[in-house]
């Protein structure tokens, strides 16, 4: 059962600002979430019970899993020093 990816506008803007090699790696990691939205490397955020996080190098992808609709909603993408602010 594959999940569908959806993106918040802010996440799309953040991906467009990245250099092409970094953006490609992050997009590859995001596509993997379709098959396994809770990979072993993911962490549930303590600040918001609905959000999850995966690492992609020095960058973080914040996302929400909607199991009832089989959707992974990418909320934000950013460098680790900026993403949690």
PDB file of N, CA and C in Angstrom:
ATOM      1  N   UNK A   1       0.840  -1.162   0.000  1.00  0.00           N
ATOM      2  CA  UNK A   1       0.000   0.000   0.000  1.00  0.00           C
ATOM      3  C   UNK A   1       0.892   1.234   0.000  1.00  0.00           C
ATOM      4  N   UNK A   2       0.908   1.949  -1.091  1.00  0.00           N
ATOM      5  CA  UNK A   2       1.749   3.127  -1.257  1.00  0.00           C
ATOM      6  C   UNK A   2       0.991   4.384  -0.838  1.00  0.00           C
ATOM      7  N   UNK A   3       1.720   5.273  -0.207  1.00  0.00           N
ATOM      8  CA  UNK A   3       1.164   6.556   0.196  1.00  0.00           C
ATOM      9  C   UNK A   3       1.374   7.565  -0.930  1.00  0.00           C
ATOM     10  N   UNK A   4       0.558   8.596  -0.943  1.00  0.00           N
ATOM     11  CA  UNK A   4       0.681   9.686  -1.898  1.00  0.00           C
ATOM     12  C   UNK A   4       1.407  10.834  -1.219  1.00  0.00           C
ATOM     13  N   UNK A   5       2.266  11.510  -1.967  1.00  0.00           N
ATOM     14  CA  UNK A   5       2.982  12.672  -1.446  1.00  0.00           C
ATOM     15  C   UNK A   5       2.216  13.945  -1.752  1.00  0.00           C
ATOM     16  N   UNK A   6       2.144  14.823  -0.764  1.00  0.00           N
ATOM     17  CA  UNK A   6       1.612  16.167  -0.959  1.00  0.00           C
ATOM     18  C   UNK A   6       2.574  17.126  -0.281  1.00  0.00           C
ATOM     19  N   UNK A   7       2.658  18.344  -0.799  1.00  0.00           N
ATOM     20  CA  UNK A   7       3.607  19.325  -0.294  1.00  0.00           C
ATOM     21  C   UNK A   7       2.899  20.610   0.101  1.00  0.00           C
ATOM     22  N   UNK A   8       3.301  21.165   1.235  1.00  0.00           N
ATOM     23  CA  UNK A   8       2.892  22.524   1.594  1.00  0.00           C
ATOM     24  C   UNK A   8       3.659  23.477   0.677  1.00  0.00           C
ATOM     25  N   UNK A   9       3.116  24.650   0.426  1.00  0.00           N
ATOM     26  CA  UNK A   9       3.797  25.626  -0.430  1.00  0.00           C
ATOM     27  C   UNK A   9       5.156  26.017   0.136  1.00  0.00           C
ATOM     28  N   UNK A  10       5.250  26.121   1.450  1.00  0.00           N
ATOM     29  CA  UNK A  10       6.526  26.499   2.067  1.00  0.00           C
ATOM     30  C   UNK A  10       7.600  25.449   1.820  1.00  0.00           C
ATOM     31  N   UNK A  11       7.228  24.179   1.796  1.00  0.00           N
ATOM     32  CA  UNK A  11       8.190  23.111   1.540  1.00  0.00           C
ATOM     33  C   UNK A  11       8.674  23.159   0.096  1.00  0.00           C
ATOM     34  N   UNK A  12       7.785  23.454  -0.827  1.00  0.00           N
ATOM     35  CA  UNK A  12       8.174  23.572  -2.239  1.00  0.00           C
ATOM     36  C   UNK A  12       9.146  24.732  -2.422  1.00  0.00           C
ATOM     37  N   UNK A  13       8.846  25.865  -1.792  1.00  0.00           N
ATOM     38  CA  UNK A  13       9.739  27.027  -1.882  1.00  0.00           C
ATOM     39  C   UNK A  13      11.108  26.699  -1.308  1.00  0.00           C
ATOM     40  N   UNK A  14      11.134  25.997  -0.177  1.00  0.00           N
ATOM     41  CA  UNK A  14      12.402  25.653   0.463  1.00  0.00           C
ATOM     42  C   UNK A  14      13.230  24.722  -0.432  1.00  0.00           C
ATOM     43  N   UNK A  15      12.588  23.754  -1.072  1.00  0.00           N
ATOM     44  CA  UNK A  15      13.305  22.846  -1.972  1.00  0.00           C
ATOM     45  C   UNK A  15      13.875  23.591  -3.174  1.00  0.00           C
ATOM     46  N   UNK A  16      13.157  24.549  -3.695  1.00  0.00           N
ATOM     47  CA  UNK A  16      13.623  25.310  -4.868  1.00  0.00           C
ATOM     48  C   UNK A  16      14.845  26.161  -4.549  1.00  0.00           C
ATOM     49  N   UNK A  17      15.017  26.556  -3.301  1.00  0.00           N
ATOM     50  CA  UNK A  17      16.151  27.398  -2.909  1.00  0.00           C
ATOM     51  C   UNK A  17      17.453  26.607  -2.753  1.00  0.00           C
ATOM     52  N   UNK A  18      17.360  25.289  -2.671  1.00  0.00           N
ATOM     53  CA  UNK A  18      18.539  24.464  -2.436  1.00  0.00           C
ATOM     54  C   UNK A  18      19.328  24.249  -3.718  1.00  0.00           C
ATOM     55  N   UNK A  19      20.611  23.923  -3.553  1.00  0.00           N
ATOM     56  CA  UNK A  19      21.429  23.593  -4.719  1.00  0.00           C
ATOM     57  C   UNK A  19      20.928  22.280  -5.321  1.00  0.00           C
ATOM     58  N   UNK A  20      21.084  22.095  -6.625  1.00  0.00           N
ATOM     59  CA  UNK A  20      20.551  20.885  -7.275  1.00  0.00           C
ATOM     60  C   UNK A  20      20.996  19.556  -6.647  1.00  0.00           C
ATOM     61  N   UNK A  21      22.274  19.355  -6.295  1.00  0.00           N
ATOM     62  CA  UNK A  21      22.631  18.050  -5.700  1.00  0.00           C
ATOM     63  C   UNK A  21      21.951  17.795  -4.357  1.00  0.00           C
ATOM     64  N   UNK A  22      21.837  18.829  -3.546  1.00  0.00           N
ATOM     65  CA  UNK A  22      21.199  18.688  -2.235  1.00  0.00           C
ATOM     66  C   UNK A  22      19.707  18.426  -2.422  1.00  0.00           C
ATOM     67  N   UNK A  23      19.074  19.173  -3.308  1.00  0.00           N
ATOM     68  CA  UNK A  23      17.639  19.003  -3.562  1.00  0.00           C
ATOM     69  C   UNK A  23      17.345  17.603  -4.098  1.00  0.00           C
ATOM     70  N   UNK A  24      18.206  17.079  -4.970  1.00  0.00           N
ATOM     71  CA  UNK A  24      18.001  15.737  -5.515  1.00  0.00           C
ATOM     72  C   UNK A  24      18.045  14.679  -4.420  1.00  0.00           C
ATOM     73  N   UNK A  25      19.009  14.804  -3.495  1.00  0.00           N
ATOM     74  CA  UNK A  25      19.124  13.828  -2.410  1.00  0.00           C
ATOM     75  C   UNK A  25      17.901  13.890  -1.496  1.00  0.00           C
ATOM     76  N   UNK A  26      17.457  15.091  -1.182  1.00  0.00           N
ATOM     77  CA  UNK A  26      16.289  15.245  -0.314  1.00  0.00           C
ATOM     78  C   UNK A  26      15.040  14.686  -1.005  1.00  0.00           C
ATOM     79  N   UNK A  27      14.878  14.974  -2.292  1.00  0.00           N
ATOM     80  CA  UNK A  27      13.723  14.459  -3.028  1.00  0.00           C
ATOM     81  C   UNK A  27      13.741  12.934  -3.084  1.00  0.00           C
ATOM     82  N   UNK A  28      14.910  12.358  -3.208  1.00  0.00           N
ATOM     83  CA  UNK A  28      15.044  10.898  -3.202  1.00  0.00           C
ATOM     84  C   UNK A  28      14.586  10.332  -1.854  1.00  0.00           C
ATOM     85  N   UNK A  29      15.013  10.969  -0.763  1.00  0.00           N
ATOM     86  CA  UNK A  29      14.602  10.527   0.571  1.00  0.00           C
ATOM     87  C   UNK A  29      13.099  10.707   0.777  1.00  0.00           C
ATOM     88  N   UNK A  30      12.546  11.782   0.238  1.00  0.00           N
ATOM     89  CA  UNK A  30      11.103  12.027   0.355  1.00  0.00           C
ATOM     90  C   UNK A  30      10.314  10.963  -0.404  1.00  0.00           C
ATOM     91  N   UNK A  31      10.780  10.600  -1.603  1.00  0.00           N
ATOM     92  CA  UNK A  31      10.073   9.577  -2.391  1.00  0.00           C
ATOM     93  C   UNK A  31      10.026   8.235  -1.665  1.00  0.00           C
ATOM     94  N   UNK A  32      11.045   7.942  -0.874  1.00  0.00           N
ATOM     95  CA  UNK A  32      11.059   6.691  -0.102  1.00  0.00           C
ATOM     96  C   UNK A  32       9.933   6.646   0.923  1.00  0.00           C
ATOM     97  N   UNK A  33       9.465   7.805   1.355  1.00  0.00           N
ATOM     98  CA  UNK A  33       8.380   7.855   2.337  1.00  0.00           C
ATOM     99  C   UNK A  33       7.069   7.306   1.782  1.00  0.00           C
ATOM    100  N   UNK A  34       6.931   7.258   0.463  1.00  0.00           N
ATOM    101  CA  UNK A  34       5.709   6.700  -0.142  1.00  0.00           C
ATOM    102  C   UNK A  34       5.552   5.228   0.208  1.00  0.00           C
ATOM    103  N   UNK A  35       6.644   4.507   0.236  1.00  0.00           N
ATOM    104  CA  UNK A  35       6.600   3.071   0.530  1.00  0.00           C
ATOM    105  C   UNK A  35       6.633   2.793   2.024  1.00  0.00           C
ATOM    106  N   UNK A  36       7.402   3.598   2.747  1.00  0.00           N
ATOM    107  CA  UNK A  36       7.529   3.388   4.188  1.00  0.00           C
ATOM    108  C   UNK A  36       7.530   4.755   4.889  1.00  0.00           C
ATOM    109  N   UNK A  37       6.359   5.238   5.293  1.00  0.00           N
ATOM    110  CA  UNK A  37       6.289   6.576   5.891  1.00  0.00           C
ATOM    111  C   UNK A  37       6.934   6.672   7.280  1.00  0.00           C
ATOM    112  N   UNK A  38       7.185   5.538   7.892  1.00  0.00           N
ATOM    113  CA  UNK A  38       7.851   5.539   9.205  1.00  0.00           C
ATOM    114  C   UNK A  38       9.115   4.676   9.138  1.00  0.00           C
ATOM    115  N   UNK A  39      10.134   5.158   8.405  1.00  0.00           N
ATOM    116  CA  UNK A  39      11.368   4.371   8.313  1.00  0.00           C
ATOM    117  C   UNK A  39      12.071   4.331   9.671  1.00  0.00           C
ATOM    118  N   UNK A  40      13.016   3.418   9.844  1.00  0.00           N
ATOM    119  CA  UNK A  40      13.706   3.314  11.144  1.00  0.00           C
ATOM    120  C   UNK A  40      14.405   4.602  11.571  1.00  0.00           C
ATOM    121  N   UNK A  41      14.774   5.437  10.614  1.00  0.00           N
ATOM    122  CA  UNK A  41      15.502   6.668  10.948  1.00  0.00           C
ATOM    123  C   UNK A  41      14.588   7.840  11.299  1.00  0.00           C
ATOM    124  N   UNK A  42      13.277   7.690  11.221  1.00  0.00           N
ATOM    125  CA  UNK A  42      12.372   8.809  11.483  1.00  0.00           C
ATOM    126  C   UNK A  42      12.174   9.004  12.987  1.00  0.00           C
ATOM    127  N   UNK A  43      11.841  10.215  13.344  1.00  0.00           N
ATOM    128  CA  UNK A  43      11.592  10.557  14.740  1.00  0.00           C
ATOM    129  C   UNK A  43      10.306  11.364  14.814  1.00  0.00           C
ATOM    130  N   UNK A  44       9.483  11.029  15.781  1.00  0.00           N
ATOM    131  CA  UNK A  44       8.257  11.799  16.022  1.00  0.00           C
ATOM    132  C   UNK A  44       8.647  13.033  16.830  1.00  0.00           C
ATOM    133  N   UNK A  45       8.212  14.202  16.393  1.00  0.00           N
ATOM    134  CA  UNK A  45       8.575  15.439  17.074  1.00  0.00           C
ATOM    135  C   UNK A  45       7.818  15.576  18.388  1.00  0.00           C
ATOM    136  N   UNK A  46       8.524  15.984  19.398  1.00  0.00           N
ATOM    137  CA  UNK A  46       7.906  16.158  20.712  1.00  0.00           C
ATOM    138  C   UNK A  46       7.071  17.430  20.775  1.00  0.00           C
ATOM    139  N   UNK A  47       7.454  18.431  19.979  1.00  0.00           N
ATOM    140  CA  UNK A  47       6.748  19.709  20.023  1.00  0.00           C
ATOM    141  C   UNK A  47       5.365  19.632  19.376  1.00  0.00           C
ATOM    142  N   UNK A  48       5.188  18.679  18.458  1.00  0.00           N
ATOM    143  CA  UNK A  48       3.894  18.523  17.782  1.00  0.00           C
ATOM    144  C   UNK A  48       3.691  17.036  17.530  1.00  0.00           C
ATOM    145  N   UNK A  49       2.696  16.463  18.155  1.00  0.00           N
ATOM    146  CA  UNK A  49       2.477  15.013  18.095  1.00  0.00           C
ATOM    147  C   UNK A  49       2.127  14.505  16.700  1.00  0.00           C
ATOM    148  N   UNK A  50       1.713  15.393  15.808  1.00  0.00           N
ATOM    149  CA  UNK A  50       1.321  14.965  14.465  1.00  0.00           C
ATOM    150  C   UNK A  50       2.475  14.966  13.475  1.00  0.00           C
ATOM    151  N   UNK A  51       3.624  15.523  13.835  1.00  0.00           N
ATOM    152  CA  UNK A  51       4.719  15.688  12.887  1.00  0.00           C
ATOM    153  C   UNK A  51       5.848  14.694  13.114  1.00  0.00           C
ATOM    154  N   UNK A  52       6.485  14.317  12.012  1.00  0.00           N
ATOM    155  CA  UNK A  52       7.630  13.416  12.011  1.00  0.00           C
ATOM    156  C   UNK A  52       8.793  14.110  11.336  1.00  0.00           C
ATOM    157  N   UNK A  53      10.003  13.555  11.527  1.00  0.00           N
ATOM    158  CA  UNK A  53      11.192  14.142  10.947  1.00  0.00           C
ATOM    159  C   UNK A  53      12.110  13.049  10.423  1.00  0.00           C
ATOM    160  N   UNK A  54      12.693  13.294   9.235  1.00  0.00           N
ATOM    161  CA  UNK A  54      13.783  12.450   8.752  1.00  0.00           C
ATOM    162  C   UNK A  54      14.980  13.347   8.450  1.00  0.00           C
ATOM    163  N   UNK A  55      16.152  12.758   8.517  1.00  0.00           N
ATOM    164  CA  UNK A  55      17.384  13.468   8.193  1.00  0.00           C
ATOM    165  C   UNK A  55      17.779  13.165   6.759  1.00  0.00           C
ATOM    166  N   UNK A  56      18.329  14.156   6.112  1.00  0.00           N
ATOM    167  CA  UNK A  56      18.910  13.987   4.786  1.00  0.00           C
ATOM    168  C   UNK A  56      20.175  14.830   4.772  1.00  0.00           C
ATOM    169  N   UNK A  57      21.274  14.225   5.194  1.00  0.00           N
ATOM    170  CA  UNK A  57      22.520  14.984   5.345  1.00  0.00           C
ATOM    171  C   UNK A  57      22.354  16.003   6.456  1.00  0.00           C
ATOM    172  N   UNK A  58      22.667  17.253   6.156  1.00  0.00           N
ATOM    173  CA  UNK A  58      22.523  18.333   7.143  1.00  0.00           C
ATOM    174  C   UNK A  58      21.127  18.941   7.133  1.00  0.00           C
ATOM    175  N   UNK A  59      20.257  18.392   6.325  1.00  0.00           N
ATOM    176  CA  UNK A  59      18.902  18.927   6.189  1.00  0.00           C
ATOM    177  C   UNK A  59      17.883  18.022   6.859  1.00  0.00           C
ATOM    178  N   UNK A  60      16.741  18.602   7.186  1.00  0.00           N
ATOM    179  CA  UNK A  60      15.659  17.867   7.825  1.00  0.00           C
ATOM    180  C   UNK A  60      14.385  18.053   7.022  1.00  0.00           C
ATOM    181  N   UNK A  61      13.604  16.989   6.978  1.00  0.00           N
ATOM    182  CA  UNK A  61      12.297  17.024   6.313  1.00  0.00           C
ATOM    183  C   UNK A  61      11.256  16.792   7.394  1.00  0.00           C
ATOM    184  N   UNK A  62      10.369  17.747   7.572  1.00  0.00           N
ATOM    185  CA  UNK A  62       9.291  17.648   8.542  1.00  0.00           C
ATOM    186  C   UNK A  62       8.026  17.271   7.779  1.00  0.00           C
ATOM    187  N   UNK A  63       7.341  16.231   8.251  1.00  0.00           N
ATOM    188  CA  UNK A  63       6.167  15.769   7.522  1.00  0.00           C
ATOM    189  C   UNK A  63       5.102  15.225   8.462  1.00  0.00           C
ATOM    190  N   UNK A  64       3.912  15.081   7.909  1.00  0.00           N
ATOM    191  CA  UNK A  64       2.759  14.568   8.644  1.00  0.00           C
ATOM    192  C   UNK A  64       2.241  13.340   7.903  1.00  0.00           C
ATOM    193  N   UNK A  65       1.864  12.310   8.644  1.00  0.00           N
ATOM    194  CA  UNK A  65       1.325  11.095   8.051  1.00  0.00           C
ATOM    195  C   UNK A  65      -0.177  11.051   8.300  1.00  0.00           C
ATOM    196  N   UNK A  66      -0.932  10.937   7.222  1.00  0.00           N
ATOM    197  CA  UNK A  66      -2.385  10.813   7.323  1.00  0.00           C
ATOM    198  C   UNK A  66      -2.743   9.388   6.893  1.00  0.00           C
ATOM    199  N   UNK A  67      -2.732   8.470   7.854  1.00  0.00           N
ATOM    200  CA  UNK A  67      -2.951   7.056   7.560  1.00  0.00           C
ATOM    201  C   UNK A  67      -4.327   6.774   6.972  1.00  0.00           C
ATOM    202  N   UNK A  68      -5.337   7.494   7.405  1.00  0.00           N
ATOM    203  CA  UNK A  68      -6.698   7.236   6.915  1.00  0.00           C
ATOM    204  C   UNK A  68      -6.843   7.543   5.425  1.00  0.00           C
ATOM    205  N   UNK A  69      -6.047   8.506   4.920  1.00  0.00           N
ATOM    206  CA  UNK A  69      -6.115   8.892   3.508  1.00  0.00           C
ATOM    207  C   UNK A  69      -4.915   8.397   2.712  1.00  0.00           C
ATOM    208  N   UNK A  70      -3.957   7.728   3.380  1.00  0.00           N
ATOM    209  CA  UNK A  70      -2.718   7.260   2.758  1.00  0.00           C
ATOM    210  C   UNK A  70      -1.950   8.412   2.106  1.00  0.00           C
ATOM    211  N   UNK A  71      -1.756   9.480   2.903  1.00  0.00           N
ATOM    212  CA  UNK A  71      -1.053  10.674   2.426  1.00  0.00           C
ATOM    213  C   UNK A  71       0.120  10.973   3.353  1.00  0.00           C
ATOM    214  N   UNK A  72       1.247  11.328   2.746  1.00  0.00           N
ATOM    215  CA  UNK A  72       2.384  11.886   3.478  1.00  0.00           C
ATOM    216  C   UNK A  72       2.464  13.345   3.043  1.00  0.00           C
ATOM    217  N   UNK A  73       2.242  14.254   3.991  1.00  0.00           N
ATOM    218  CA  UNK A  73       2.239  15.688   3.720  1.00  0.00           C
ATOM    219  C   UNK A  73       3.584  16.269   4.159  1.00  0.00           C
ATOM    220  N   UNK A  74       4.363  16.754   3.200  1.00  0.00           N
ATOM    221  CA  UNK A  74       5.655  17.369   3.510  1.00  0.00           C
ATOM    222  C   UNK A  74       5.375  18.803   3.955  1.00  0.00           C
ATOM    223  N   UNK A  75       5.682  19.091   5.205  1.00  0.00           N
ATOM    224  CA  UNK A  75       5.356  20.380   5.798  1.00  0.00           C
ATOM    225  C   UNK A  75       6.475  21.391   5.604  1.00  0.00           C
ATOM    226  N   UNK A  76       7.729  20.956   5.799  1.00  0.00           N
ATOM    227  CA  UNK A  76       8.854  21.884   5.692  1.00  0.00           C
ATOM    228  C   UNK A  76      10.136  21.122   5.424  1.00  0.00           C
ATOM    229  N   UNK A  77      11.069  21.811   4.807  1.00  0.00           N
ATOM    230  CA  UNK A  77      12.405  21.285   4.530  1.00  0.00           C
ATOM    231  C   UNK A  77      13.384  22.397   4.861  1.00  0.00           C
ATOM    232  N   UNK A  78      14.461  22.061   5.576  1.00  0.00           N
ATOM    233  CA  UNK A  78      15.437  23.096   5.896  1.00  0.00           C
ATOM    234  C   UNK A  78      16.689  22.545   6.536  1.00  0.00           C
ATOM    235  N   UNK A  79      17.672  23.418   6.651  1.00  0.00           N
ATOM    236  CA  UNK A  79      18.923  23.051   7.293  1.00  0.00           C
ATOM    237  C   UNK A  79      18.670  22.806   8.772  1.00  0.00           C
ATOM    238  N   UNK A  80      19.421  21.905   9.346  1.00  0.00           N
ATOM    239  CA  UNK A  80      19.195  21.516  10.740  1.00  0.00           C
ATOM    240  C   UNK A  80      19.288  22.665  11.715  1.00  0.00           C
ATOM    241  N   UNK A  81      20.079  23.692  11.417  1.00  0.00           N
ATOM    242  CA  UNK A  81      20.198  24.829  12.343  1.00  0.00           C
ATOM    243  C   UNK A  81      18.998  25.771  12.280  1.00  0.00           C
ATOM    244  N   UNK A  82      18.222  25.684  11.188  1.00  0.00           N
ATOM    245  CA  UNK A  82      17.105  26.621  11.001  1.00  0.00           C
ATOM    246  C   UNK A  82      15.726  25.983  11.110  1.00  0.00           C
ATOM    247  N   UNK A  83      15.621  24.710  10.926  1.00  0.00           N
ATOM    248  CA  UNK A  83      14.323  24.065  10.737  1.00  0.00           C
ATOM    249  C   UNK A  83      13.425  24.078  11.983  1.00  0.00           C
ATOM    250  N   UNK A  84      13.995  24.059  13.155  1.00  0.00           N
ATOM    251  CA  UNK A  84      13.189  23.950  14.371  1.00  0.00           C
ATOM    252  C   UNK A  84      12.802  25.307  14.963  1.00  0.00           C
ATOM    253  N   UNK A  85      13.182  26.384  14.316  1.00  0.00           N
ATOM    254  CA  UNK A  85      12.872  27.723  14.849  1.00  0.00           C
ATOM    255  C   UNK A  85      11.461  28.140  14.541  1.00  0.00           C
TER     256      UNK A  85
END
